[in-house]
Amino acid sequence: MGCAGSRDKVEESSKRVRKPKPWKHQEPLTRAQLTQMRDEFWDTAPHYGGRKGIHLSM
């Protein structure tokens, strides 16, 4: 037998985690445009506290 508060913890931990919706751009992008946007993101990341260096190649 558990304490009265333990039931709340079980219910809270059993909530489903939703998968985020895929990112979509308003207009279709070419591979070159996507690469340019990715490069711009990584070039500006250090200015906003991110680290440059994790690049995924296509």
C-alpha atoms as a PDB file:
ATOM      1  CA  MET A   1       0.000   0.000   0.000  1.00  0.00           C
ATOM      2  CA  GLY A   2       1.466   3.355  -1.023  1.00  0.00           C
ATOM      3  CA  CYS A   3       0.947   6.840   0.192  1.00  0.00           C
ATOM      4  CA  ALA A   4      -1.878   9.016  -1.141  1.00  0.00           C
ATOM      5  CA  GLY A   5       0.475  11.074  -3.333  1.00  0.00           C
ATOM      6  CA  SER A   6       1.963   8.072  -5.140  1.00  0.00           C
ATOM      7  CA  ARG A   7      -1.140   7.597  -7.328  1.00  0.00           C
ATOM      8  CA  ASP A   8      -0.649  11.085  -8.812  1.00  0.00           C
ATOM      9  CA  LYS A   9       2.928  10.252  -9.754  1.00  0.00           C
ATOM     10  CA  VAL A  10       1.856   7.084 -11.594  1.00  0.00           C
ATOM     11  CA  GLU A  11      -0.827   8.945 -13.526  1.00  0.00           C
ATOM     12  CA  GLU A  12       1.620  11.736 -14.381  1.00  0.00           C
ATOM     13  CA  SER A  13       4.296   9.334 -15.645  1.00  0.00           C
ATOM     14  CA  SER A  14       1.824   7.361 -17.791  1.00  0.00           C
ATOM     15  CA  LYS A  15       0.905  10.366 -19.961  1.00  0.00           C
ATOM     16  CA  ARG A  16       1.739   9.813 -23.607  1.00  0.00           C
ATOM     17  CA  VAL A  17       4.494  11.842 -25.193  1.00  0.00           C
ATOM     18  CA  ARG A  18       3.441  13.173 -28.565  1.00  0.00           C
ATOM     19  CA  LYS A  19       5.760  13.059 -31.536  1.00  0.00           C
ATOM     20  CA  PRO A  20       6.364  16.585 -32.843  1.00  0.00           C
ATOM     21  CA  LYS A  21       4.974  17.500 -36.233  1.00  0.00           C
ATOM     22  CA  PRO A  22       7.557  17.431 -39.031  1.00  0.00           C
ATOM     23  CA  TRP A  23       9.032  20.774 -39.992  1.00  0.00           C
ATOM     24  CA  LYS A  24       7.657  22.172 -43.241  1.00  0.00           C
ATOM     25  CA  HIS A  25       8.668  25.248 -45.196  1.00  0.00           C
ATOM     26  CA  GLN A  26       5.972  27.369 -46.834  1.00  0.00           C
ATOM     27  CA  GLU A  27       7.508  26.821 -50.273  1.00  0.00           C
ATOM     28  CA  PRO A  28       9.195  23.690 -51.637  1.00  0.00           C
ATOM     29  CA  LEU A  29      12.982  23.918 -51.230  1.00  0.00           C
ATOM     30  CA  THR A  30      15.706  22.640 -53.487  1.00  0.00           C
ATOM     31  CA  ARG A  31      18.572  20.692 -51.966  1.00  0.00           C
ATOM     32  CA  ALA A  32      20.863  23.699 -52.584  1.00  0.00           C
ATOM     33  CA  GLN A  33      18.489  26.034 -50.717  1.00  0.00           C
ATOM     34  CA  LEU A  34      18.252  23.603 -47.812  1.00  0.00           C
ATOM     35  CA  THR A  35      22.029  23.294 -47.670  1.00  0.00           C
ATOM     36  CA  GLN A  36      22.352  27.102 -47.677  1.00  0.00           C
ATOM     37  CA  MET A  37      19.833  27.422 -44.836  1.00  0.00           C
ATOM     38  CA  ARG A  38      21.677  24.745 -42.858  1.00  0.00           C
ATOM     39  CA  ASP A  39      25.017  26.483 -43.392  1.00  0.00           C
ATOM     40  CA  GLU A  40      23.538  29.816 -42.275  1.00  0.00           C
ATOM     41  CA  PHE A  41      22.155  28.136 -39.161  1.00  0.00           C
ATOM     42  CA  TRP A  42      25.528  26.635 -38.205  1.00  0.00           C
ATOM     43  CA  ASP A  43      27.360  29.886 -38.993  1.00  0.00           C
ATOM     44  CA  THR A  44      25.121  31.867 -36.635  1.00  0.00           C
ATOM     45  CA  ALA A  45      24.720  29.205 -33.903  1.00  0.00           C
ATOM     46  CA  PRO A  46      27.777  30.341 -31.860  1.00  0.00           C
ATOM     47  CA  HIS A  47      26.300  33.845 -31.603  1.00  0.00           C
ATOM     48  CA  TYR A  48      23.253  32.405 -29.858  1.00  0.00           C
ATOM     49  CA  GLY A  49      25.063  30.040 -27.495  1.00  0.00           C
ATOM     50  CA  GLY A  50      25.185  27.006 -29.784  1.00  0.00           C
ATOM     51  CA  ARG A  51      28.244  25.087 -30.869  1.00  0.00           C
ATOM     52  CA  LYS A  52      29.492  24.902 -34.404  1.00  0.00           C
ATOM     53  CA  GLY A  53      30.837  21.537 -35.420  1.00  0.00           C
ATOM     54  CA  ILE A  54      27.972  19.109 -35.699  1.00  0.00           C
ATOM     55  CA  HIS A  55      27.323  18.842 -39.420  1.00  0.00           C
ATOM     56  CA  LEU A  56      25.251  16.178 -41.090  1.00  0.00           C
ATOM     57  CA  SER A  57      26.123  15.500 -44.681  1.00  0.00           C
ATOM     58  CA  MET A  58      23.451  14.692 -47.175  1.00  0.00           C
END
